[in-house]
């Protein structure tokens, strides 16, 4: 990720934690939320066509890639993203 991209990403997140359900995984530190997909279209073009709020991997662990982060059975996305 380029400095220009991370200047406007990731988004801040508001999580909904339901105390009556088993604890879920809310992404940190492996998955995060896209705020501005066009922050650096030259340096990080893989994000340009994704909508704001998309979960993506920071690739800290190889098995937790973008597909893993997008799967709601692995990672609970935020109810609201903001900046």
N, C-alpha and C. Protein backbone atom coordinates (compact mmCIF):
# COMPACT_ATOMS: atom_id res chain seq x y z
N UNK A 1 0.84 -1.18 0.00
CA UNK A 1 0.00 0.00 0.00
C UNK A 1 0.89 1.24 0.00
N UNK A 2 0.53 2.19 -0.83
CA UNK A 2 1.33 3.41 -0.94
C UNK A 2 0.95 4.41 0.15
N UNK A 3 1.85 5.36 0.40
CA UNK A 3 1.58 6.40 1.40
C UNK A 3 0.36 7.22 1.00
N UNK A 4 0.20 7.49 -0.28
CA UNK A 4 -0.96 8.25 -0.75
C UNK A 4 -2.26 7.49 -0.46
N UNK A 5 -2.24 6.17 -0.64
CA UNK A 5 -3.43 5.37 -0.37
C UNK A 5 -3.76 5.35 1.12
N UNK A 6 -2.77 5.10 1.96
CA UNK A 6 -3.04 4.99 3.40
C UNK A 6 -3.33 6.34 4.04
N UNK A 7 -3.06 7.43 3.34
CA UNK A 7 -3.44 8.75 3.85
C UNK A 7 -4.95 8.89 3.93
N UNK A 8 -5.69 8.14 3.11
CA UNK A 8 -7.16 8.24 3.07
C UNK A 8 -7.84 6.90 3.32
N UNK A 9 -7.10 5.93 3.82
CA UNK A 9 -7.61 4.59 4.12
C UNK A 9 -6.84 4.04 5.30
N UNK A 10 -7.33 3.15 6.07
CA UNK A 10 -8.67 2.57 6.03
C UNK A 10 -9.69 3.48 6.69
N UNK A 11 -10.93 3.07 6.61
CA UNK A 11 -12.02 3.80 7.26
C UNK A 11 -12.02 3.49 8.75
N UNK A 12 -12.58 4.39 9.53
CA UNK A 12 -12.90 4.08 10.92
C UNK A 12 -14.15 3.22 10.89
N UNK A 13 -14.36 2.46 11.95
CA UNK A 13 -15.46 1.50 11.95
C UNK A 13 -16.30 1.61 13.21
N UNK A 14 -17.59 1.42 13.04
CA UNK A 14 -18.51 1.27 14.16
C UNK A 14 -18.99 -0.17 14.12
N UNK A 15 -18.69 -0.90 15.18
CA UNK A 15 -19.05 -2.32 15.25
C UNK A 15 -20.29 -2.50 16.12
N UNK A 16 -21.07 -3.49 15.78
CA UNK A 16 -22.21 -3.86 16.61
C UNK A 16 -21.87 -5.20 17.26
N UNK A 17 -21.73 -5.18 18.57
CA UNK A 17 -21.39 -6.38 19.31
C UNK A 17 -22.64 -6.83 20.05
N UNK A 18 -23.12 -8.00 19.70
CA UNK A 18 -24.31 -8.54 20.35
C UNK A 18 -23.88 -9.46 21.48
N UNK A 19 -24.22 -9.08 22.69
CA UNK A 19 -23.78 -9.81 23.87
C UNK A 19 -24.46 -11.16 24.03
N UNK A 20 -25.56 -11.38 23.32
CA UNK A 20 -26.28 -12.65 23.42
C UNK A 20 -25.74 -13.70 22.44
N UNK A 21 -24.78 -13.33 21.62
CA UNK A 21 -24.19 -14.24 20.64
C UNK A 21 -22.73 -14.52 21.01
N UNK A 22 -22.20 -15.63 20.52
CA UNK A 22 -20.77 -15.89 20.74
C UNK A 22 -19.92 -14.76 20.14
N UNK A 23 -18.79 -14.52 20.74
CA UNK A 23 -17.91 -13.45 20.27
C UNK A 23 -17.49 -13.70 18.83
N UNK A 24 -17.51 -12.66 18.02
CA UNK A 24 -17.11 -12.76 16.62
C UNK A 24 -15.75 -12.14 16.40
N UNK A 25 -15.26 -12.27 15.20
CA UNK A 25 -14.00 -11.65 14.80
C UNK A 25 -14.36 -10.40 14.01
N UNK A 26 -13.84 -9.26 14.43
CA UNK A 26 -14.18 -7.98 13.82
C UNK A 26 -13.05 -7.39 12.98
N UNK A 27 -12.14 -8.24 12.53
CA UNK A 27 -11.15 -7.83 11.54
C UNK A 27 -9.77 -7.45 12.04
N UNK A 28 -9.69 -6.72 13.12
CA UNK A 28 -8.39 -6.21 13.55
C UNK A 28 -7.49 -7.32 14.05
N UNK A 29 -6.26 -7.36 13.66
CA UNK A 29 -5.52 -6.44 12.79
C UNK A 29 -5.44 -6.90 11.33
N UNK A 30 -6.07 -8.03 11.01
CA UNK A 30 -5.88 -8.62 9.67
C UNK A 30 -6.73 -8.00 8.57
N UNK A 31 -7.96 -7.64 8.89
CA UNK A 31 -8.89 -7.12 7.88
C UNK A 31 -9.25 -5.68 8.23
N UNK A 32 -9.49 -4.90 7.21
CA UNK A 32 -9.84 -3.51 7.43
C UNK A 32 -10.86 -3.06 6.38
N UNK A 33 -11.34 -1.84 6.51
CA UNK A 33 -12.42 -1.34 5.67
C UNK A 33 -11.93 -0.25 4.73
N UNK A 34 -12.27 -0.39 3.47
CA UNK A 34 -11.90 0.58 2.45
C UNK A 34 -12.74 1.85 2.59
N UNK A 35 -12.07 3.01 2.59
CA UNK A 35 -12.78 4.28 2.63
C UNK A 35 -12.78 4.95 1.25
N UNK A 36 -11.61 5.21 0.71
CA UNK A 36 -11.51 5.91 -0.57
C UNK A 36 -10.78 5.02 -1.58
N UNK A 37 -11.53 4.31 -2.42
CA UNK A 37 -10.90 3.39 -3.37
C UNK A 37 -10.03 4.07 -4.42
N UNK A 38 -10.22 5.36 -4.66
CA UNK A 38 -9.44 6.06 -5.67
C UNK A 38 -8.36 6.95 -5.06
N UNK A 39 -7.95 6.66 -3.83
CA UNK A 39 -6.93 7.48 -3.16
C UNK A 39 -5.61 7.47 -3.92
N UNK A 40 -5.25 6.35 -4.53
CA UNK A 40 -4.04 6.26 -5.34
C UNK A 40 -4.28 5.27 -6.48
N UNK A 41 -4.97 5.71 -7.54
CA UNK A 41 -5.32 4.80 -8.63
C UNK A 41 -4.12 4.26 -9.40
N UNK A 42 -2.99 4.94 -9.34
CA UNK A 42 -1.78 4.47 -10.03
C UNK A 42 -1.01 3.48 -9.15
N UNK A 43 -0.79 3.83 -7.90
CA UNK A 43 0.00 2.99 -7.00
C UNK A 43 -0.75 1.79 -6.46
N UNK A 44 -2.05 1.91 -6.25
CA UNK A 44 -2.88 0.83 -5.71
C UNK A 44 -4.15 0.66 -6.55
N UNK A 45 -4.01 0.26 -7.81
CA UNK A 45 -5.16 0.18 -8.71
C UNK A 45 -6.16 -0.92 -8.37
N UNK A 46 -5.77 -1.89 -7.56
CA UNK A 46 -6.66 -3.02 -7.25
C UNK A 46 -7.90 -2.58 -6.46
N UNK A 47 -7.91 -1.38 -5.91
CA UNK A 47 -9.05 -0.92 -5.12
C UNK A 47 -10.04 -0.04 -5.89
N UNK A 48 -9.66 0.44 -7.06
CA UNK A 48 -10.43 1.45 -7.79
C UNK A 48 -11.88 1.05 -8.04
N UNK A 49 -12.15 -0.19 -8.38
CA UNK A 49 -13.51 -0.61 -8.71
C UNK A 49 -14.30 -1.15 -7.52
N UNK A 50 -13.72 -1.11 -6.34
CA UNK A 50 -14.41 -1.62 -5.15
C UNK A 50 -15.23 -0.52 -4.49
N UNK A 51 -16.39 -0.84 -3.94
CA UNK A 51 -17.18 0.18 -3.26
C UNK A 51 -16.63 0.51 -1.88
N UNK A 52 -16.88 1.72 -1.45
CA UNK A 52 -16.53 2.13 -0.09
C UNK A 52 -17.16 1.14 0.89
N UNK A 53 -16.42 0.76 1.91
CA UNK A 53 -16.92 -0.18 2.90
C UNK A 53 -16.49 -1.61 2.67
N UNK A 54 -15.83 -1.88 1.53
CA UNK A 54 -15.35 -3.23 1.24
C UNK A 54 -14.28 -3.62 2.25
N UNK A 55 -14.37 -4.85 2.74
CA UNK A 55 -13.34 -5.39 3.62
C UNK A 55 -12.18 -5.90 2.77
N UNK A 56 -10.95 -5.62 3.19
CA UNK A 56 -9.79 -6.15 2.50
C UNK A 56 -8.72 -6.53 3.51
N UNK A 57 -7.80 -7.36 3.06
CA UNK A 57 -6.76 -7.89 3.93
C UNK A 57 -5.53 -6.99 3.94
N UNK A 58 -4.91 -6.90 5.10
CA UNK A 58 -3.62 -6.23 5.20
C UNK A 58 -2.48 -7.22 4.98
N UNK A 59 -2.84 -8.47 4.70
CA UNK A 59 -1.88 -9.54 4.38
C UNK A 59 -0.83 -9.75 5.47
N UNK A 60 -1.27 -9.69 6.72
CA UNK A 60 -0.38 -9.96 7.84
C UNK A 60 -0.16 -11.46 8.01
N UNK A 61 -1.19 -12.25 7.71
CA UNK A 61 -1.11 -13.71 7.75
C UNK A 61 -1.58 -14.22 6.39
N UNK A 62 -0.81 -15.09 5.74
CA UNK A 62 -1.14 -15.52 4.37
C UNK A 62 -2.54 -16.12 4.21
N UNK A 63 -3.02 -16.84 5.21
CA UNK A 63 -4.33 -17.48 5.08
C UNK A 63 -5.49 -16.48 5.22
N UNK A 64 -5.22 -15.30 5.72
CA UNK A 64 -6.26 -14.27 5.86
C UNK A 64 -6.12 -13.26 4.74
N UNK A 65 -6.51 -13.69 3.53
CA UNK A 65 -6.42 -12.84 2.35
C UNK A 65 -7.73 -12.07 2.15
N UNK A 66 -7.87 -11.39 1.03
CA UNK A 66 -9.08 -10.60 0.77
C UNK A 66 -10.34 -11.46 0.80
N UNK A 67 -10.27 -12.64 0.18
CA UNK A 67 -11.44 -13.53 0.16
C UNK A 67 -11.83 -13.93 1.59
N UNK A 68 -10.86 -14.20 2.41
CA UNK A 68 -11.12 -14.57 3.81
C UNK A 68 -11.79 -13.41 4.55
N UNK A 69 -11.28 -12.20 4.34
CA UNK A 69 -11.83 -11.01 5.01
C UNK A 69 -13.24 -10.69 4.54
N UNK A 70 -13.56 -10.99 3.29
CA UNK A 70 -14.89 -10.72 2.75
C UNK A 70 -15.93 -11.74 3.21
N UNK A 71 -15.49 -12.89 3.68
CA UNK A 71 -16.40 -13.95 4.12
C UNK A 71 -16.93 -13.63 5.52
N UNK A 72 -18.23 -13.38 5.62
CA UNK A 72 -18.83 -12.97 6.89
C UNK A 72 -18.80 -14.06 7.96
N UNK A 73 -18.56 -15.30 7.57
CA UNK A 73 -18.42 -16.34 8.58
C UNK A 73 -17.03 -16.28 9.24
N UNK A 74 -16.09 -15.60 8.61
CA UNK A 74 -14.75 -15.38 9.18
C UNK A 74 -14.63 -14.04 9.87
N UNK A 75 -15.17 -13.01 9.24
CA UNK A 75 -14.93 -11.63 9.64
C UNK A 75 -16.23 -10.84 9.61
N UNK A 76 -16.61 -10.29 10.73
CA UNK A 76 -17.83 -9.49 10.81
C UNK A 76 -17.52 -8.05 10.37
N UNK A 77 -18.11 -7.58 9.26
CA UNK A 77 -17.85 -6.21 8.82
C UNK A 77 -18.53 -5.20 9.73
N UNK A 78 -18.06 -3.96 9.71
CA UNK A 78 -18.69 -2.94 10.56
C UNK A 78 -20.11 -2.62 10.09
N UNK A 79 -20.93 -2.11 11.00
CA UNK A 79 -22.27 -1.68 10.62
C UNK A 79 -22.22 -0.31 9.96
N UNK A 80 -21.14 0.42 10.20
CA UNK A 80 -21.00 1.76 9.64
C UNK A 80 -19.51 2.07 9.53
N UNK A 81 -19.11 2.61 8.40
CA UNK A 81 -17.72 3.06 8.25
C UNK A 81 -17.73 4.56 8.00
N UNK A 82 -16.71 5.23 8.50
CA UNK A 82 -16.66 6.69 8.42
C UNK A 82 -15.21 7.15 8.47
N UNK A 83 -15.02 8.46 8.24
CA UNK A 83 -13.69 9.02 8.36
C UNK A 83 -13.77 10.41 8.91
